[in-house]
C-alpha atoms as a PDB file:
ATOM      1  CA  MET A   1      54.582-140.908 112.882  1.00  0.00           C
ATOM      2  CA  THR A   2      52.273-138.358 111.332  1.00  0.00           C
ATOM      3  CA  GLY A   3      53.353-137.002 107.912  1.00  0.00           C
ATOM      4  CA  THR A   4      56.490-139.352 107.807  1.00  0.00           C
ATOM      5  CA  ARG A   5      56.475-142.446 105.737  1.00  0.00           C
ATOM      6  CA  MET A   6      57.727-145.655 107.232  1.00  0.00           C
ATOM      7  CA  PRO A   7      61.430-146.375 106.423  1.00  0.00           C
ATOM      8  CA  ARG A   8      62.283-148.522 103.423  1.00  0.00           C
ATOM      9  CA  LEU A   9      64.789-151.370 103.996  1.00  0.00           C
ATOM     10  CA  VAL A  10      66.848-153.775 101.846  1.00  0.00           C
ATOM     11  CA  VAL A  11      68.145-156.858 103.628  1.00  0.00           C
ATOM     12  CA  VAL A  12      71.295-158.617 102.191  1.00  0.00           C
ATOM     13  CA  ASP A  13      72.455-161.879 103.642  1.00  0.00           C
ATOM     14  CA  ASP A  14      73.580-165.171 102.069  1.00  0.00           C
ATOM     15  CA  ASP A  15      71.686-167.052 104.892  1.00  0.00           C
ATOM     16  CA  ASN A  16      68.285-166.999 103.279  1.00  0.00           C
ATOM     17  CA  GLU A  17      66.485-168.191 106.377  1.00  0.00           C
ATOM     18  CA  LEU A  18      68.038-165.336 108.476  1.00  0.00           C
ATOM     19  CA  ALA A  19      67.445-162.753 105.744  1.00  0.00           C
ATOM     20  CA  GLN A  20      63.700-163.768 105.730  1.00  0.00           C
ATOM     21  CA  GLU A  21      63.589-163.529 109.522  1.00  0.00           C
ATOM     22  CA  LEU A  22      65.110-160.037 109.481  1.00  0.00           C
ATOM     23  CA  ALA A  23      62.709-158.933 106.764  1.00  0.00           C
ATOM     24  CA  GLY A  24      59.801-160.259 108.837  1.00  0.00           C
ATOM     25  CA  LEU A  25      61.059-158.606 111.991  1.00  0.00           C
ATOM     26  CA  PHE A  26      61.281-155.172 110.316  1.00  0.00           C
ATOM     27  CA  SER A  27      58.014-155.591 108.373  1.00  0.00           C
ATOM     28  CA  ASP A  28      56.194-156.511 111.744  1.00  0.00           C
ATOM     29  CA  VAL A  29      57.245-153.116 113.200  1.00  0.00           C
ATOM     30  CA  GLY A  30      56.209-151.133 110.107  1.00  0.00           C
ATOM     31  CA  TYR A  31      59.243-150.918 107.835  1.00  0.00           C
ATOM     32  CA  GLU A  32      58.624-151.368 104.129  1.00  0.00           C
ATOM     33  CA  VAL A  33      61.127-154.126 103.120  1.00  0.00           C
ATOM     34  CA  THR A  34      61.710-153.326  99.437  1.00  0.00           C
ATOM     35  CA  GLY A  35      63.752-156.456  98.837  1.00  0.00           C
ATOM     36  CA  VAL A  36      65.870-159.299 100.127  1.00  0.00           C
ATOM     37  CA  ALA A  37      69.023-160.335  98.335  1.00  0.00           C
ATOM     38  CA  SER A  38      71.412-163.317  99.047  1.00  0.00           C
ATOM     39  CA  ALA A  39      74.540-161.681  97.433  1.00  0.00           C
ATOM     40  CA  ALA A  40      76.181-158.209  97.655  1.00  0.00           C
ATOM     41  CA  ARG A  41      75.917-157.471  93.880  1.00  0.00           C
ATOM     42  CA  GLU A  42      72.263-158.501  93.941  1.00  0.00           C
ATOM     43  CA  GLY A  43      71.807-156.117  96.975  1.00  0.00           C
ATOM     44  CA  ILE A  44      73.399-153.268  95.142  1.00  0.00           C
ATOM     45  CA  ASP A  45      71.095-153.920  92.229  1.00  0.00           C
ATOM     46  CA  LEU A  46      68.051-153.881  94.717  1.00  0.00           C
ATOM     47  CA  VAL A  47      69.204-150.578  96.060  1.00  0.00           C
ATOM     48  CA  ASP A  48      69.411-149.133  92.594  1.00  0.00           C
ATOM     49  CA  ARG A  49      65.851-150.202  91.819  1.00  0.00           C
ATOM     50  CA  THR A  50      64.101-149.611  95.195  1.00  0.00           C
ATOM     51  CA  MET A  51      65.973-146.703  96.677  1.00  0.00           C
ATOM     52  CA  PRO A  52      65.597-147.737 100.348  1.00  0.00           C
ATOM     53  CA  ASP A  53      66.273-145.568 103.268  1.00  0.00           C
ATOM     54  CA  VAL A  54      68.676-148.022 104.879  1.00  0.00           C
ATOM     55  CA  VAL A  55      70.495-151.246 103.953  1.00  0.00           C
ATOM     56  CA  LEU A  56      71.029-154.108 106.445  1.00  0.00           C
ATOM     57  CA  MET A  57      73.822-156.324 105.138  1.00  0.00           C
ATOM     58  CA  ASP A  58      75.887-159.348 106.147  1.00  0.00           C
ATOM     59  CA  VAL A  59      79.696-158.965 105.946  1.00  0.00           C
ATOM     60  CA  ARG A  60      80.874-162.314 104.719  1.00  0.00           C
ATOM     61  CA  MET A  61      79.305-163.465 101.530  1.00  0.00           C
ATOM     62  CA  GLU A  62      80.515-165.231  98.374  1.00  0.00           C
ATOM     63  CA  GLY A  63      82.084-162.943  95.849  1.00  0.00           C
ATOM     64  CA  MET A  64      81.830-159.327  96.997  1.00  0.00           C
ATOM     65  CA  SER A  65      81.902-158.840 100.813  1.00  0.00           C
ATOM     66  CA  GLY A  66      79.386-156.638 102.649  1.00  0.00           C
ATOM     67  CA  THR A  67      82.179-154.005 103.398  1.00  0.00           C
ATOM     68  CA  GLU A  68      83.055-153.899  99.689  1.00  0.00           C
ATOM     69  CA  ALA A  69      79.384-153.472  98.852  1.00  0.00           C
ATOM     70  CA  ALA A  70      79.023-150.762 101.416  1.00  0.00           C
ATOM     71  CA  GLY A  71      81.862-148.916  99.751  1.00  0.00           C
ATOM     72  CA  VAL A  72      80.245-149.080  96.457  1.00  0.00           C
ATOM     73  CA  LEU A  73      77.013-147.891  97.860  1.00  0.00           C
ATOM     74  CA  ARG A  74      78.734-145.078  99.642  1.00  0.00           C
ATOM     75  CA  ARG A  75      80.201-143.803  96.299  1.00  0.00           C
ATOM     76  CA  HIS A  76      76.802-144.115  94.510  1.00  0.00           C
ATOM     77  CA  TYR A  77      74.540-142.938  97.353  1.00  0.00           C
ATOM     78  CA  PRO A  78      76.706-140.937  99.827  1.00  0.00           C
ATOM     79  CA  GLY A  79      73.859-140.457 102.423  1.00  0.00           C
ATOM     80  CA  LEU A  80      72.459-144.023 102.278  1.00  0.00           C
ATOM     81  CA  PRO A  81      73.183-145.621 105.673  1.00  0.00           C
ATOM     82  CA  VAL A  82      74.411-149.194 105.652  1.00  0.00           C
ATOM     83  CA  VAL A  83      74.299-151.276 108.763  1.00  0.00           C
ATOM     84  CA  LEU A  84      76.593-154.257 108.765  1.00  0.00           C
ATOM     85  CA  LEU A  85      75.605-157.485 110.551  1.00  0.00           C
ATOM     86  CA  SER A  86      78.252-160.178 111.009  1.00  0.00           C
ATOM     87  CA  ALA A  87      78.902-163.277 113.005  1.00  0.00           C
ATOM     88  CA  TYR A  88      82.442-161.985 113.413  1.00  0.00           C
ATOM     89  CA  ALA A  89      83.936-159.158 115.425  1.00  0.00           C
ATOM     90  CA  ASP A  90      87.591-159.350 114.579  1.00  0.00           C
ATOM     91  CA  GLU A  91      89.626-156.202 114.235  1.00  0.00           C
ATOM     92  CA  GLY A  92      90.117-156.634 110.478  1.00  0.00           C
ATOM     93  CA  ILE A  93      86.444-156.618 109.744  1.00  0.00           C
ATOM     94  CA  VAL A  94      85.810-153.757 112.157  1.00  0.00           C
ATOM     95  CA  GLU A  95      88.472-151.744 110.381  1.00  0.00           C
ATOM     96  CA  ALA A  96      87.127-152.578 106.927  1.00  0.00           C
ATOM     97  CA  ALA A  97      83.627-151.442 108.059  1.00  0.00           C
ATOM     98  CA  ARG A  98      85.157-148.171 109.381  1.00  0.00           C
ATOM     99  CA  GLU A  99      86.881-147.561 106.048  1.00  0.00           C
ATOM    100  CA  ALA A 100      83.623-148.200 104.187  1.00  0.00           C
ATOM    101  CA  GLN A 101      81.951-145.605 106.415  1.00  0.00           C
ATOM    102  CA  VAL A 102      79.075-147.845 107.480  1.00  0.00           C
ATOM    103  CA  ALA A 103      76.531-146.368 109.711  1.00  0.00           C
ATOM    104  CA  ALA A 104      76.753-149.222 112.315  1.00  0.00           C
ATOM    105  CA  TYR A 105      78.191-152.640 112.846  1.00  0.00           C
ATOM    106  CA  LEU A 106      76.391-155.316 114.806  1.00  0.00           C
ATOM    107  CA  VAL A 107      77.410-158.776 115.786  1.00  0.00           C
ATOM    108  CA  LYS A 108      74.830-161.475 114.921  1.00  0.00           C
ATOM    109  CA  GLY A 109      73.341-162.695 118.161  1.00  0.00           C
ATOM    110  CA  CYS A 110      72.380-159.199 119.216  1.00  0.00           C
ATOM    111  CA  THR A 111      68.800-159.004 120.428  1.00  0.00           C
ATOM    112  CA  ALA A 112      65.981-158.028 118.174  1.00  0.00           C
ATOM    113  CA  ARG A 113      65.556-154.924 120.385  1.00  0.00           C
ATOM    114  CA  GLU A 114      69.196-153.811 119.881  1.00  0.00           C
ATOM    115  CA  LEU A 115      68.906-154.369 116.030  1.00  0.00           C
ATOM    116  CA  LEU A 116      65.640-152.456 115.755  1.00  0.00           C
ATOM    117  CA  SER A 117      66.973-149.619 117.961  1.00  0.00           C
ATOM    118  CA  THR A 118      70.265-149.330 116.036  1.00  0.00           C
ATOM    119  CA  VAL A 119      68.505-149.346 112.625  1.00  0.00           C
ATOM    120  CA  GLY A 120      65.884-146.954 113.774  1.00  0.00           C
ATOM    121  CA  THR A 121      68.436-144.520 115.180  1.00  0.00           C
ATOM    122  CA  VAL A 122      70.464-144.754 111.840  1.00  0.00           C
ATOM    123  CA  VAL A 123      67.329-143.914 109.837  1.00  0.00           C
ATOM    124  CA  LYS A 124      66.451-140.945 112.127  1.00  0.00           C
ATOM    125  CA  GLU A 125      70.006-139.589 111.848  1.00  0.00           C
ATOM    126  CA  SER A 126      70.054-140.016 108.117  1.00  0.00           C
ATOM    127  CA  ARG A 127      66.680-138.109 107.839  1.00  0.00           C
ATOM    128  CA  VAL A 128      68.016-135.254 109.894  1.00  0.00           C
ATOM    129  CA  LYS A 129      71.047-134.969 107.700  1.00  0.00           C
ATOM    130  CA  GLY A 130      68.744-134.717 104.625  1.00  0.00           C
ATOM    131  CA  ALA A 131      68.065-136.576 101.400  1.00  0.00           C
ATOM    132  CA  ARG A 132      70.824-138.618  99.859  1.00  0.00           C
ATOM    133  CA  LYS A 133      72.102-137.689  96.444  1.00  0.00           C
ATOM    134  CA  PRO A 134      73.100-140.281  93.911  1.00  0.00           C
ATOM    135  CA  GLY A 135      76.725-140.288  92.986  1.00  0.00           C
ATOM    136  CA  GLY A 136      78.269-141.187  89.636  1.00  0.00           C
ATOM    137  CA  PRO A 137      78.619-144.712  88.218  1.00  0.00           C
ATOM    138  CA  ASP A 138      81.306-146.888  89.730  1.00  0.00           C
END
């Protein structure tokens, strides 16, 4: 990609082993992983500090859920895409993801190819729409 920097990514998942695997997967294909967090609030703080191009976040975590965190990020950074990753595909979670206006929702167990393709598409669409603008404090 001539003239375009590689996308920056934050990974948020309370399963540290999976989070590290995801970070490695994206690093291996050229993403700059700016941080890995094990809780939603920690992920929001990482986003504030590192300003990634995309966030990959688990849905069910202790304390704040991924859908709640996605809503906070949407208010602070309206153009920042969040991709939710969950072991669950029940209608309640899907509806909460829709309300949080996440860029994509994937079920854990999807292939690495599906994950990379989805996140890549989300980043491309975000870049076409233009730079995100920080919102006000929550």
